[in-house]
Amino acid sequence: MKPWIYLAMGVGSLWLQLTVVPFAAVSGVKPNLMLLVVLLIALRWQEPWLFVFAAAGGLALDVFSHGVVGVYGISYFLISLLALYAGRSVYENNLWFTMGAVAGLTLLEGAIALAIFEVLDQATPWWSWLLRRVVPQAVYHGLLAPFLLYGLVRLERALKLTDIIRSRP
């Protein structure tokens, strides 16, 4: 896909994360749309420059969410590299793999972010946050992944169709 489409998806997911997602919380657990978009793009399309998109999206989310700049930026950067590796290593583009990979990578991203918070503040309740926030969010992301993937695939097909129509003589 074209870079401006990724920019629109990043801005759109950030806007939805800040405005709509707080109302989609289930038992206090909110999905992280920016992370979901990064993971699904990495697993499905394996864009080589995705880590730049992930780091920029993470930094934007840092600025607008908790104010500690760099935590999401670094963790999204690292998790996008791992997601690209997972997407390239396992050539199986099925729903179960996507759900499991998204849940596992979300869990790993949460652990990375918590480790960064632990370095910044020794009093971080690491295990409490991991069990109460990160694990439920990983399950939530695994369940949401098929729906968001369906929307991204539809977007990809629609864009390819418009490219085909434009290229006709």
C-alpha atoms as a PDB file:
ATOM      1  CA  MET A   1       0.000   0.000   0.000  1.00  0.00           C
ATOM      2  CA  LYS A   2       1.015   3.600  -0.383  1.00  0.00           C
ATOM      3  CA  PRO A   3       2.648   5.568   2.451  1.00  0.00           C
ATOM      4  CA  TRP A   4      -0.161   8.122   2.629  1.00  0.00           C
ATOM      5  CA  ILE A   5      -2.577   5.285   3.404  1.00  0.00           C
ATOM      6  CA  TYR A   6      -0.434   4.224   6.361  1.00  0.00           C
ATOM      7  CA  LEU A   7      -0.303   7.845   7.513  1.00  0.00           C
ATOM      8  CA  ALA A   8      -4.091   8.035   7.345  1.00  0.00           C
ATOM      9  CA  MET A   9      -4.403   4.747   9.239  1.00  0.00           C
ATOM     10  CA  GLY A  10      -1.987   6.003  11.901  1.00  0.00           C
ATOM     11  CA  VAL A  11      -3.760   9.317  12.367  1.00  0.00           C
ATOM     12  CA  GLY A  12      -7.144   7.603  12.294  1.00  0.00           C
ATOM     13  CA  SER A  13      -6.176   4.963  14.842  1.00  0.00           C
ATOM     14  CA  LEU A  14      -4.658   7.626  17.113  1.00  0.00           C
ATOM     15  CA  TRP A  15      -7.806   9.726  16.871  1.00  0.00           C
ATOM     16  CA  LEU A  16     -10.036   6.716  17.570  1.00  0.00           C
ATOM     17  CA  GLN A  17      -7.762   5.668  20.454  1.00  0.00           C
ATOM     18  CA  LEU A  18      -8.191   9.041  22.111  1.00  0.00           C
ATOM     19  CA  THR A  19     -11.892   9.603  21.427  1.00  0.00           C
ATOM     20  CA  VAL A  20     -13.852   6.379  20.891  1.00  0.00           C
ATOM     21  CA  VAL A  21     -11.826   3.572  22.503  1.00  0.00           C
ATOM     22  CA  PRO A  22     -12.401   4.708  26.106  1.00  0.00           C
ATOM     23  CA  PHE A  23     -16.069   3.841  25.529  1.00  0.00           C
ATOM     24  CA  ALA A  24     -15.126   0.373  24.208  1.00  0.00           C
ATOM     25  CA  ALA A  25     -13.509  -0.673  27.471  1.00  0.00           C
ATOM     26  CA  VAL A  26     -14.570  -4.097  28.704  1.00  0.00           C
ATOM     27  CA  SER A  27     -14.123  -4.439  32.474  1.00  0.00           C
ATOM     28  CA  GLY A  28     -11.715  -1.509  32.401  1.00  0.00           C
ATOM     29  CA  VAL A  29      -9.545  -3.003  29.640  1.00  0.00           C
ATOM     30  CA  LYS A  30      -9.141  -0.789  26.582  1.00  0.00           C
ATOM     31  CA  PRO A  31      -7.741  -1.982  23.258  1.00  0.00           C
ATOM     32  CA  ASN A  32      -4.762  -0.166  21.792  1.00  0.00           C
ATOM     33  CA  LEU A  33      -5.688   0.475  18.165  1.00  0.00           C
ATOM     34  CA  MET A  34      -2.297   1.875  17.217  1.00  0.00           C
ATOM     35  CA  LEU A  35      -0.606  -1.308  18.423  1.00  0.00           C
ATOM     36  CA  LEU A  36      -3.190  -3.475  16.667  1.00  0.00           C
ATOM     37  CA  VAL A  37      -2.659  -1.654  13.369  1.00  0.00           C
ATOM     38  CA  VAL A  38       1.129  -1.962  13.673  1.00  0.00           C
ATOM     39  CA  LEU A  39       0.937  -5.678  14.447  1.00  0.00           C
ATOM     40  CA  LEU A  40      -1.527  -6.500  11.686  1.00  0.00           C
ATOM     41  CA  ILE A  41       0.418  -4.565   9.065  1.00  0.00           C
ATOM     42  CA  ALA A  42       3.607  -6.329  10.154  1.00  0.00           C
ATOM     43  CA  LEU A  43       2.045  -9.786  10.116  1.00  0.00           C
ATOM     44  CA  ARG A  44       0.056  -9.367   6.913  1.00  0.00           C
ATOM     45  CA  TRP A  45       2.087  -7.128   4.599  1.00  0.00           C
ATOM     46  CA  GLN A  46       5.639  -7.148   6.044  1.00  0.00           C
ATOM     47  CA  GLU A  47       6.447  -3.571   5.067  1.00  0.00           C
ATOM     48  CA  PRO A  48      10.221  -3.057   5.488  1.00  0.00           C
ATOM     49  CA  TRP A  49       9.885   0.491   6.885  1.00  0.00           C
ATOM     50  CA  LEU A  50       7.145  -0.340   9.372  1.00  0.00           C
ATOM     51  CA  PHE A  51       9.416   0.233  12.359  1.00  0.00           C
ATOM     52  CA  VAL A  52       9.477   3.962  11.508  1.00  0.00           C
ATOM     53  CA  PHE A  53       5.672   4.054  11.414  1.00  0.00           C
ATOM     54  CA  ALA A  54       5.535   2.107  14.688  1.00  0.00           C
ATOM     55  CA  ALA A  55       8.000   4.375  16.490  1.00  0.00           C
ATOM     56  CA  ALA A  56       6.234   7.540  15.282  1.00  0.00           C
ATOM     57  CA  GLY A  57       2.831   6.169  16.257  1.00  0.00           C
ATOM     58  CA  GLY A  58       4.170   5.121  19.645  1.00  0.00           C
ATOM     59  CA  LEU A  59       5.652   8.556  20.275  1.00  0.00           C
ATOM     60  CA  ALA A  60       2.371  10.212  19.286  1.00  0.00           C
ATOM     61  CA  LEU A  61       0.500   7.935  21.662  1.00  0.00           C
ATOM     62  CA  ASP A  62       3.058   8.721  24.397  1.00  0.00           C
ATOM     63  CA  VAL A  63       2.420  12.425  24.035  1.00  0.00           C
ATOM     64  CA  PHE A  64      -1.358  12.107  24.160  1.00  0.00           C
ATOM     65  CA  SER A  65      -1.754   9.340  26.737  1.00  0.00           C
ATOM     66  CA  HIS A  66       0.548   9.130  29.764  1.00  0.00           C
ATOM     67  CA  GLY A  67       3.077  11.847  29.016  1.00  0.00           C
ATOM     68  CA  VAL A  68       6.259   9.788  29.496  1.00  0.00           C
ATOM     69  CA  VAL A  69       7.683  10.272  26.018  1.00  0.00           C
ATOM     70  CA  GLY A  70       9.496   7.280  24.604  1.00  0.00           C
ATOM     71  CA  VAL A  71       7.902   4.314  26.354  1.00  0.00           C
ATOM     72  CA  TYR A  72       5.452   3.392  23.600  1.00  0.00           C
ATOM     73  CA  GLY A  73       7.844   4.674  20.938  1.00  0.00           C
ATOM     74  CA  ILE A  74      10.580   2.263  22.001  1.00  0.00           C
ATOM     75  CA  SER A  75       8.276  -0.665  22.725  1.00  0.00           C
ATOM     76  CA  TYR A  76       6.383  -0.269  19.419  1.00  0.00           C
ATOM     77  CA  PHE A  77       9.686  -0.039  17.548  1.00  0.00           C
ATOM     78  CA  LEU A  78      10.951  -3.275  19.100  1.00  0.00           C
ATOM     79  CA  ILE A  79       7.661  -5.127  18.764  1.00  0.00           C
ATOM     80  CA  SER A  80       7.298  -4.111  15.105  1.00  0.00           C
ATOM     81  CA  LEU A  81      10.703  -5.649  14.364  1.00  0.00           C
ATOM     82  CA  LEU A  82       9.650  -8.865  16.118  1.00  0.00           C
ATOM     83  CA  ALA A  83       6.297  -8.857  14.318  1.00  0.00           C
ATOM     84  CA  LEU A  84       8.027  -8.419  10.954  1.00  0.00           C
ATOM     85  CA  TYR A  85      10.269 -11.345  11.789  1.00  0.00           C
ATOM     86  CA  ALA A  86       7.283 -13.466  12.874  1.00  0.00           C
ATOM     87  CA  GLY A  87       5.355 -12.555   9.731  1.00  0.00           C
ATOM     88  CA  ARG A  88       8.276 -13.504   7.486  1.00  0.00           C
ATOM     89  CA  SER A  89       9.214 -16.647   9.386  1.00  0.00           C
ATOM     90  CA  VAL A  90       5.800 -18.263   9.418  1.00  0.00           C
ATOM     91  CA  TYR A  91       4.228 -18.329   6.001  1.00  0.00           C
ATOM     92  CA  GLU A  92       0.776 -19.127   7.173  1.00  0.00           C
ATOM     93  CA  ASN A  93      -1.675 -16.339   6.733  1.00  0.00           C
ATOM     94  CA  ASN A  94      -4.590 -17.802   8.628  1.00  0.00           C
ATOM     95  CA  LEU A  95      -6.880 -16.455  11.287  1.00  0.00           C
ATOM     96  CA  TRP A  96      -5.653 -18.591  14.206  1.00  0.00           C
ATOM     97  CA  PHE A  97      -2.018 -17.689  13.631  1.00  0.00           C
ATOM     98  CA  THR A  98      -2.928 -14.000  13.411  1.00  0.00           C
ATOM     99  CA  MET A  99      -4.975 -14.101  16.616  1.00  0.00           C
ATOM    100  CA  GLY A 100      -2.256 -15.945  18.524  1.00  0.00           C
ATOM    101  CA  ALA A 101       0.543 -13.790  17.175  1.00  0.00           C
ATOM    102  CA  VAL A 102      -1.306 -10.560  17.988  1.00  0.00           C
ATOM    103  CA  ALA A 103      -2.071 -11.740  21.524  1.00  0.00           C
ATOM    104  CA  GLY A 104       1.497 -12.935  22.111  1.00  0.00           C
ATOM    105  CA  LEU A 105       3.105  -9.824  20.653  1.00  0.00           C
ATOM    106  CA  THR A 106       0.758  -7.598  22.674  1.00  0.00           C
ATOM    107  CA  LEU A 107       1.825  -9.438  25.802  1.00  0.00           C
ATOM    108  CA  LEU A 108       5.476  -8.974  24.866  1.00  0.00           C
ATOM    109  CA  GLU A 109       4.972  -5.267  24.081  1.00  0.00           C
ATOM    110  CA  GLY A 110       3.334  -4.771  27.461  1.00  0.00           C
ATOM    111  CA  ALA A 111       6.268  -6.471  29.166  1.00  0.00           C
ATOM    112  CA  ILE A 112       8.723  -4.236  27.273  1.00  0.00           C
ATOM    113  CA  ALA A 113       6.769  -1.093  28.216  1.00  0.00           C
ATOM    114  CA  LEU A 114       6.608  -2.208  31.849  1.00  0.00           C
ATOM    115  CA  ALA A 115      10.352  -2.885  31.856  1.00  0.00           C
ATOM    116  CA  ILE A 116      10.964   0.659  30.593  1.00  0.00           C
ATOM    117  CA  PHE A 117       8.655   2.030  33.287  1.00  0.00           C
ATOM    118  CA  GLU A 118      10.561  -0.072  35.857  1.00  0.00           C
ATOM    119  CA  VAL A 119      13.848   1.510  34.776  1.00  0.00           C
ATOM    120  CA  LEU A 120      12.308   4.986  35.040  1.00  0.00           C
ATOM    121  CA  ASP A 121      10.535   4.375  38.350  1.00  0.00           C
ATOM    122  CA  GLN A 122      11.580   1.574  40.683  1.00  0.00           C
ATOM    123  CA  ALA A 123       8.217   1.632  42.470  1.00  0.00           C
ATOM    124  CA  THR A 124       6.270   0.432  39.420  1.00  0.00           C
ATOM    125  CA  PRO A 125       3.886  -2.399  40.420  1.00  0.00           C
ATOM    126  CA  TRP A 126       5.208  -4.657  37.648  1.00  0.00           C
ATOM    127  CA  TRP A 127       3.338  -7.919  38.328  1.00  0.00           C
ATOM    128  CA  SER A 128       0.110  -6.127  39.184  1.00  0.00           C
ATOM    129  CA  TRP A 129       0.148  -4.172  35.922  1.00  0.00           C
ATOM    130  CA  LEU A 130       1.121  -7.238  33.939  1.00  0.00           C
ATOM    131  CA  LEU A 131      -1.700  -9.383  35.308  1.00  0.00           C
ATOM    132  CA  ARG A 132      -4.381  -6.689  35.513  1.00  0.00           C
ATOM    133  CA  ARG A 133      -3.698  -4.677  32.360  1.00  0.00           C
ATOM    134  CA  VAL A 134      -1.371  -6.380  29.911  1.00  0.00           C
ATOM    135  CA  VAL A 135      -2.725  -9.945  29.937  1.00  0.00           C
ATOM    136  CA  PRO A 136      -6.405  -8.903  29.557  1.00  0.00           C
ATOM    137  CA  GLN A 137      -5.421  -6.459  26.812  1.00  0.00           C
ATOM    138  CA  ALA A 138      -3.549  -9.228  24.984  1.00  0.00           C
ATOM    139  CA  VAL A 139      -6.651 -11.425  25.069  1.00  0.00           C
ATOM    140  CA  TYR A 140      -8.818  -8.492  23.930  1.00  0.00           C
ATOM    141  CA  HIS A 141      -6.416  -7.783  21.047  1.00  0.00           C
ATOM    142  CA  GLY A 142      -6.436 -11.427  20.010  1.00  0.00           C
ATOM    143  CA  LEU A 143     -10.226 -11.341  19.823  1.00  0.00           C
ATOM    144  CA  LEU A 144     -10.345  -8.005  17.969  1.00  0.00           C
ATOM    145  CA  ALA A 145      -7.626  -8.907  15.460  1.00  0.00           C
ATOM    146  CA  PRO A 146      -9.851 -10.807  12.978  1.00  0.00           C
ATOM    147  CA  PHE A 147     -12.284  -7.921  12.698  1.00  0.00           C
ATOM    148  CA  LEU A 148      -9.611  -5.307  12.159  1.00  0.00           C
ATOM    149  CA  LEU A 149      -7.768  -7.599   9.747  1.00  0.00           C
ATOM    150  CA  TYR A 150     -10.979  -8.029   7.759  1.00  0.00           C
ATOM    151  CA  GLY A 151     -11.292  -4.240   7.507  1.00  0.00           C
ATOM    152  CA  LEU A 152      -7.672  -3.836   6.420  1.00  0.00           C
ATOM    153  CA  VAL A 153      -8.015  -6.543   3.762  1.00  0.00           C
ATOM    154  CA  ARG A 154     -11.162  -4.868   2.460  1.00  0.00           C
ATOM    155  CA  LEU A 155      -9.322  -1.552   2.322  1.00  0.00           C
ATOM    156  CA  GLU A 156      -6.464  -3.163   0.424  1.00  0.00           C
ATOM    157  CA  ARG A 157      -8.843  -4.703  -2.113  1.00  0.00           C
ATOM    158  CA  ALA A 158     -10.713  -1.434  -2.579  1.00  0.00           C
ATOM    159  CA  LEU A 159      -7.474   0.431  -3.207  1.00  0.00           C
ATOM    160  CA  LYS A 160      -6.268  -2.175  -5.699  1.00  0.00           C
ATOM    161  CA  LEU A 161      -9.607  -1.965  -7.488  1.00  0.00           C
ATOM    162  CA  THR A 162      -9.322   1.824  -7.812  1.00  0.00           C
ATOM    163  CA  ASP A 163      -5.754   1.425  -9.132  1.00  0.00           C
ATOM    164  CA  ILE A 164      -7.011  -1.042 -11.749  1.00  0.00           C
ATOM    165  CA  ILE A 165      -9.823   1.290 -12.795  1.00  0.00           C
ATOM    166  CA  ARG A 166      -7.450   4.252 -13.087  1.00  0.00           C
ATOM    167  CA  SER A 167      -4.933   2.311 -15.165  1.00  0.00           C
ATOM    168  CA  ARG A 168      -7.449   1.409 -17.868  1.00  0.00           C
ATOM    169  CA  PRO A 169      -7.035   3.280 -21.165  1.00  0.00           C
END
